[in-house]
Amino acid sequence: MGEVRAVTDATYDETINAGGWVLVDFWAPWCGPCKAIAPVLAEVATEREIVIAKVNTDSDQMTAGRLGVRGIPALYLYHDGKMVSNKAGALPKPKLLQWIDEYMSAADF
């Protein structure tokens, strides 16, 4: 269904503007909650038609700075290049799916 892909500052705009649903995960290797949510996001990619775009904020800081990311993990949900919602912090899988499904089911953007 979906896929998990590493995204850099250089490929960010291309990724979110490719069409469809994209969930961007701003994370860092040292972040405990980021490590905890990573397998959950991988599962979501197998259950939904969505690209999980992972941006390592240690190596790619410009996009996070441009968007005003203050804490990680930070999740940004896009549909056809338009940001529809964002959340900070790690969510349990049921809450994460509820959040995504809320927007996917109402998608008439």
N, C-alpha and C. Protein backbone atom coordinates (compact mmCIF):
# COMPACT_ATOMS: atom_id res chain seq x y z
N MET A 1 0.84 -1.19 0.00
CA MET A 1 0.00 0.00 0.00
C MET A 1 0.87 1.24 0.00
N GLY A 2 1.25 1.69 1.18
CA GLY A 2 2.09 2.88 1.27
C GLY A 2 3.55 2.49 1.31
N GLU A 3 4.37 3.43 1.72
CA GLU A 3 5.81 3.17 1.84
C GLU A 3 6.42 4.13 2.83
N VAL A 4 7.57 3.72 3.38
CA VAL A 4 8.38 4.57 4.25
C VAL A 4 9.58 4.99 3.43
N ARG A 5 9.89 6.29 3.46
CA ARG A 5 11.02 6.77 2.66
C ARG A 5 11.78 7.84 3.45
N ALA A 6 13.09 7.79 3.35
CA ALA A 6 13.93 8.83 3.95
C ALA A 6 13.89 10.06 3.04
N VAL A 7 13.69 11.21 3.64
CA VAL A 7 13.57 12.46 2.89
C VAL A 7 14.56 13.47 3.46
N THR A 8 15.16 14.24 2.58
CA THR A 8 16.11 15.27 2.99
C THR A 8 15.49 16.65 2.73
N ASP A 9 16.19 17.68 3.17
CA ASP A 9 15.74 19.05 2.86
C ASP A 9 15.61 19.22 1.35
N ALA A 10 16.53 18.61 0.60
CA ALA A 10 16.54 18.76 -0.85
C ALA A 10 15.37 18.06 -1.53
N THR A 11 14.85 16.99 -0.93
CA THR A 11 13.77 16.23 -1.58
C THR A 11 12.41 16.43 -0.91
N TYR A 12 12.35 17.27 0.11
CA TYR A 12 11.11 17.46 0.87
C TYR A 12 9.95 17.96 0.00
N ASP A 13 10.15 19.08 -0.68
CA ASP A 13 9.06 19.66 -1.47
C ASP A 13 8.60 18.71 -2.57
N GLU A 14 9.54 18.07 -3.23
CA GLU A 14 9.21 17.10 -4.28
C GLU A 14 8.35 15.97 -3.71
N THR A 15 8.69 15.50 -2.51
CA THR A 15 7.97 14.40 -1.88
C THR A 15 6.54 14.79 -1.52
N ILE A 16 6.37 15.94 -0.87
CA ILE A 16 5.01 16.30 -0.45
C ILE A 16 4.13 16.74 -1.61
N ASN A 17 4.75 17.17 -2.70
CA ASN A 17 3.98 17.63 -3.86
C ASN A 17 3.77 16.55 -4.91
N ALA A 18 4.17 15.32 -4.63
CA ALA A 18 4.05 14.24 -5.60
C ALA A 18 2.61 13.76 -5.77
N GLY A 19 1.72 14.20 -4.88
CA GLY A 19 0.32 13.79 -4.96
C GLY A 19 0.00 12.73 -3.94
N GLY A 20 -1.24 12.70 -3.54
CA GLY A 20 -1.68 11.72 -2.56
C GLY A 20 -1.37 12.15 -1.14
N TRP A 21 -1.41 11.18 -0.25
CA TRP A 21 -1.21 11.42 1.17
C TRP A 21 0.24 11.22 1.56
N VAL A 22 0.78 12.15 2.34
CA VAL A 22 2.14 12.06 2.85
C VAL A 22 2.12 12.44 4.33
N LEU A 23 2.67 11.58 5.16
CA LEU A 23 2.84 11.88 6.58
C LEU A 23 4.32 12.06 6.83
N VAL A 24 4.72 13.27 7.17
CA VAL A 24 6.13 13.57 7.42
C VAL A 24 6.41 13.38 8.90
N ASP A 25 7.45 12.62 9.19
CA ASP A 25 7.91 12.38 10.56
C ASP A 25 9.26 13.06 10.73
N PHE A 26 9.29 14.16 11.49
CA PHE A 26 10.56 14.79 11.84
C PHE A 26 11.07 14.07 13.08
N TRP A 27 12.29 13.53 13.00
CA TRP A 27 12.82 12.67 14.05
C TRP A 27 14.32 12.87 14.18
N ALA A 28 14.92 12.24 15.18
CA ALA A 28 16.38 12.22 15.36
C ALA A 28 16.78 10.88 15.96
N PRO A 29 17.98 10.41 15.66
CA PRO A 29 18.42 9.09 16.13
C PRO A 29 18.49 8.97 17.66
N TRP A 30 18.72 10.06 18.36
CA TRP A 30 18.86 10.03 19.80
C TRP A 30 17.52 10.15 20.55
N CYS A 31 16.44 10.36 19.83
CA CYS A 31 15.12 10.65 20.42
C CYS A 31 14.37 9.36 20.75
N GLY A 32 14.15 9.10 22.03
CA GLY A 32 13.44 7.90 22.47
C GLY A 32 12.04 7.78 21.90
N PRO A 33 11.20 8.82 22.03
CA PRO A 33 9.85 8.73 21.45
C PRO A 33 9.87 8.54 19.93
N CYS A 34 10.88 9.07 19.26
CA CYS A 34 11.01 8.88 17.81
C CYS A 34 11.25 7.41 17.49
N LYS A 35 12.11 6.77 18.30
CA LYS A 35 12.39 5.35 18.12
C LYS A 35 11.14 4.52 18.39
N ALA A 36 10.34 4.95 19.37
CA ALA A 36 9.13 4.21 19.73
C ALA A 36 8.08 4.27 18.64
N ILE A 37 7.95 5.41 17.98
CA ILE A 37 6.89 5.55 16.97
C ILE A 37 7.31 5.01 15.59
N ALA A 38 8.59 4.81 15.36
CA ALA A 38 9.07 4.35 14.05
C ALA A 38 8.40 3.06 13.59
N PRO A 39 8.32 2.00 14.43
CA PRO A 39 7.66 0.78 13.94
C PRO A 39 6.16 0.97 13.73
N VAL A 40 5.56 1.84 14.50
CA VAL A 40 4.13 2.15 14.33
C VAL A 40 3.91 2.79 12.96
N LEU A 41 4.77 3.73 12.60
CA LEU A 41 4.65 4.39 11.30
C LEU A 41 4.87 3.39 10.17
N ALA A 42 5.79 2.46 10.35
CA ALA A 42 6.03 1.44 9.33
C ALA A 42 4.78 0.57 9.15
N GLU A 43 4.09 0.24 10.24
CA GLU A 43 2.85 -0.53 10.16
C GLU A 43 1.77 0.27 9.43
N VAL A 44 1.67 1.56 9.75
CA VAL A 44 0.67 2.41 9.11
C VAL A 44 0.88 2.43 7.59
N ALA A 45 2.13 2.44 7.17
CA ALA A 45 2.43 2.45 5.73
C ALA A 45 1.93 1.19 5.05
N THR A 46 1.84 0.08 5.78
CA THR A 46 1.34 -1.16 5.19
C THR A 46 -0.18 -1.23 5.21
N GLU A 47 -0.80 -0.37 6.01
CA GLU A 47 -2.26 -0.42 6.18
C GLU A 47 -3.01 0.71 5.48
N ARG A 48 -2.31 1.73 5.05
CA ARG A 48 -2.95 2.88 4.41
C ARG A 48 -2.19 3.24 3.14
N GLU A 49 -2.87 3.89 2.22
CA GLU A 49 -2.24 4.38 0.99
C GLU A 49 -1.61 5.73 1.33
N ILE A 50 -0.42 5.68 1.92
CA ILE A 50 0.23 6.89 2.42
C ILE A 50 1.75 6.72 2.36
N VAL A 51 2.44 7.79 2.06
CA VAL A 51 3.90 7.80 2.12
C VAL A 51 4.30 8.33 3.49
N ILE A 52 5.12 7.58 4.20
CA ILE A 52 5.69 8.04 5.47
C ILE A 52 7.07 8.60 5.12
N ALA A 53 7.18 9.91 5.19
CA ALA A 53 8.43 10.59 4.83
C ALA A 53 9.18 10.94 6.10
N LYS A 54 10.33 10.32 6.31
CA LYS A 54 11.10 10.51 7.53
C LYS A 54 12.23 11.50 7.30
N VAL A 55 12.21 12.59 8.07
CA VAL A 55 13.23 13.63 7.96
C VAL A 55 14.07 13.63 9.24
N ASN A 56 15.34 13.29 9.12
CA ASN A 56 16.26 13.28 10.25
C ASN A 56 16.66 14.73 10.54
N THR A 57 16.22 15.25 11.67
CA THR A 57 16.48 16.66 11.99
C THR A 57 17.92 16.92 12.39
N ASP A 58 18.70 15.89 12.65
CA ASP A 58 20.13 16.10 12.93
C ASP A 58 20.87 16.44 11.64
N SER A 59 20.53 15.77 10.55
CA SER A 59 21.24 16.00 9.29
C SER A 59 20.50 16.95 8.35
N ASP A 60 19.20 17.10 8.53
CA ASP A 60 18.40 17.98 7.65
C ASP A 60 17.53 18.89 8.52
N GLN A 61 18.06 20.06 8.83
CA GLN A 61 17.41 20.96 9.79
C GLN A 61 16.61 22.09 9.13
N MET A 62 16.87 22.38 7.88
CA MET A 62 16.28 23.56 7.25
C MET A 62 14.76 23.48 7.14
N THR A 63 14.23 22.36 6.71
CA THR A 63 12.79 22.24 6.54
C THR A 63 12.09 22.30 7.90
N ALA A 64 12.63 21.62 8.89
CA ALA A 64 12.05 21.67 10.23
C ALA A 64 12.05 23.11 10.75
N GLY A 65 13.11 23.82 10.52
CA GLY A 65 13.19 25.22 10.93
C GLY A 65 12.18 26.09 10.20
N ARG A 66 12.05 25.87 8.91
CA ARG A 66 11.10 26.64 8.10
C ARG A 66 9.67 26.42 8.57
N LEU A 67 9.35 25.19 9.00
CA LEU A 67 8.00 24.88 9.46
C LEU A 67 7.77 25.19 10.94
N GLY A 68 8.82 25.58 11.63
CA GLY A 68 8.68 25.93 13.05
C GLY A 68 8.60 24.73 13.97
N VAL A 69 9.21 23.61 13.56
CA VAL A 69 9.22 22.42 14.42
C VAL A 69 10.04 22.74 15.66
N ARG A 70 9.41 22.57 16.82
CA ARG A 70 10.08 22.88 18.10
C ARG A 70 10.45 21.64 18.89
N GLY A 71 9.73 20.56 18.66
CA GLY A 71 10.00 19.31 19.37
C GLY A 71 9.79 18.14 18.43
N ILE A 72 10.41 17.02 18.77
CA ILE A 72 10.27 15.83 17.95
C ILE A 72 9.85 14.66 18.83
N PRO A 73 9.17 13.69 18.28
CA PRO A 73 8.74 13.62 16.89
C PRO A 73 7.65 14.65 16.59
N ALA A 74 7.70 15.16 15.38
CA ALA A 74 6.67 16.08 14.88
C ALA A 74 6.11 15.47 13.61
N LEU A 75 4.80 15.37 13.54
CA LEU A 75 4.13 14.73 12.41
C LEU A 75 3.34 15.76 11.63
N TYR A 76 3.56 15.81 10.33
CA TYR A 76 2.87 16.74 9.44
C TYR A 76 2.15 15.93 8.37
N LEU A 77 0.85 16.11 8.26
CA LEU A 77 0.04 15.36 7.31
C LEU A 77 -0.31 16.24 6.12
N TYR A 78 0.03 15.75 4.93
CA TYR A 78 -0.20 16.48 3.68
C TYR A 78 -1.13 15.68 2.77
N HIS A 79 -1.94 16.39 2.01
CA HIS A 79 -2.74 15.77 0.95
C HIS A 79 -2.54 16.60 -0.31
N ASP A 80 -2.02 15.97 -1.35
CA ASP A 80 -1.74 16.64 -2.62
C ASP A 80 -0.97 17.95 -2.44
N GLY A 81 0.04 17.91 -1.58
CA GLY A 81 0.92 19.06 -1.38
C GLY A 81 0.45 20.09 -0.38
N LYS A 82 -0.75 19.92 0.15
CA LYS A 82 -1.30 20.90 1.11
C LYS A 82 -1.26 20.29 2.51
N MET A 83 -0.67 21.03 3.47
CA MET A 83 -0.66 20.54 4.84
C MET A 83 -2.07 20.65 5.41
N VAL A 84 -2.57 19.52 5.93
CA VAL A 84 -3.92 19.51 6.47
C VAL A 84 -3.94 19.44 7.99
N SER A 85 -2.84 18.97 8.59
CA SER A 85 -2.79 18.90 10.05
C SER A 85 -1.36 18.59 10.49
N ASN A 86 -1.09 18.85 11.76
CA ASN A 86 0.18 18.45 12.34
C ASN A 86 0.01 18.16 13.82
N LYS A 87 0.89 17.33 14.34
CA LYS A 87 0.86 16.94 15.74
C LYS A 87 2.30 16.79 16.21
N ALA A 88 2.49 17.06 17.50
CA ALA A 88 3.79 16.86 18.12
C ALA A 88 3.70 15.69 19.08
N GLY A 89 4.76 14.93 19.16
CA GLY A 89 4.82 13.82 20.10
C GLY A 89 4.45 12.50 19.47
N ALA A 90 4.85 11.44 20.15
CA ALA A 90 4.55 10.09 19.69
C ALA A 90 3.13 9.73 20.08
N LEU A 91 2.39 9.18 19.14
CA LEU A 91 1.02 8.76 19.39
C LEU A 91 0.94 7.24 19.36
N PRO A 92 0.09 6.64 20.21
CA PRO A 92 -0.13 5.20 20.06
C PRO A 92 -0.83 4.94 18.74
N LYS A 93 -0.67 3.73 18.21
CA LYS A 93 -1.19 3.42 16.89
C LYS A 93 -2.68 3.73 16.73
N PRO A 94 -3.55 3.37 17.67
CA PRO A 94 -4.98 3.69 17.48
C PRO A 94 -5.24 5.19 17.33
N LYS A 95 -4.54 6.00 18.11
CA LYS A 95 -4.72 7.46 18.02
C LYS A 95 -4.16 8.00 16.71
N LEU A 96 -3.03 7.44 16.28
CA LEU A 96 -2.42 7.87 15.03
C LEU A 96 -3.35 7.55 13.85
N LEU A 97 -3.88 6.34 13.82
CA LEU A 97 -4.80 5.96 12.74
C LEU A 97 -6.08 6.79 12.78
N GLN A 98 -6.57 7.06 13.98
CA GLN A 98 -7.77 7.89 14.11
C GLN A 98 -7.53 9.27 13.52
N TRP A 99 -6.36 9.85 13.83
CA TRP A 99 -6.00 11.18 13.32
C TRP A 99 -5.91 11.17 11.80
N ILE A 100 -5.20 10.18 11.24
CA ILE A 100 -5.04 10.09 9.78
C ILE A 100 -6.39 9.85 9.12
N ASP A 101 -7.15 8.90 9.64
CA ASP A 101 -8.44 8.53 9.03
C ASP A 101 -9.44 9.68 9.06
N GLU A 102 -9.34 10.51 10.10
CA GLU A 102 -10.23 11.67 10.19
C GLU A 102 -10.09 12.55 8.95
N TYR A 103 -8.87 12.73 8.49
CA TYR A 103 -8.62 13.58 7.32
C TYR A 103 -8.81 12.82 6.02
N MET A 104 -8.39 11.56 5.99
CA MET A 104 -8.55 10.78 4.75
C MET A 104 -10.03 10.59 4.41
N SER A 105 -10.85 10.36 5.41
CA SER A 105 -12.26 10.13 5.14
C SER A 105 -12.99 11.42 4.75
N ALA A 106 -12.46 12.55 5.17
CA ALA A 106 -13.08 13.83 4.85
C ALA A 106 -12.41 14.49 3.65
N ALA A 107 -11.53 13.75 2.98
CA ALA A 107 -10.72 14.32 1.90
C ALA A 107 -11.58 14.74 0.72
N ASP A 108 -11.74 16.02 0.64
CA ASP A 108 -12.39 16.63 -0.53
C ASP A 108 -11.69 17.95 -0.77
N PHE A 109 -10.36 17.86 -0.72
CA PHE A 109 -9.54 19.09 -0.80
C PHE A 109 -9.41 19.54 -2.22
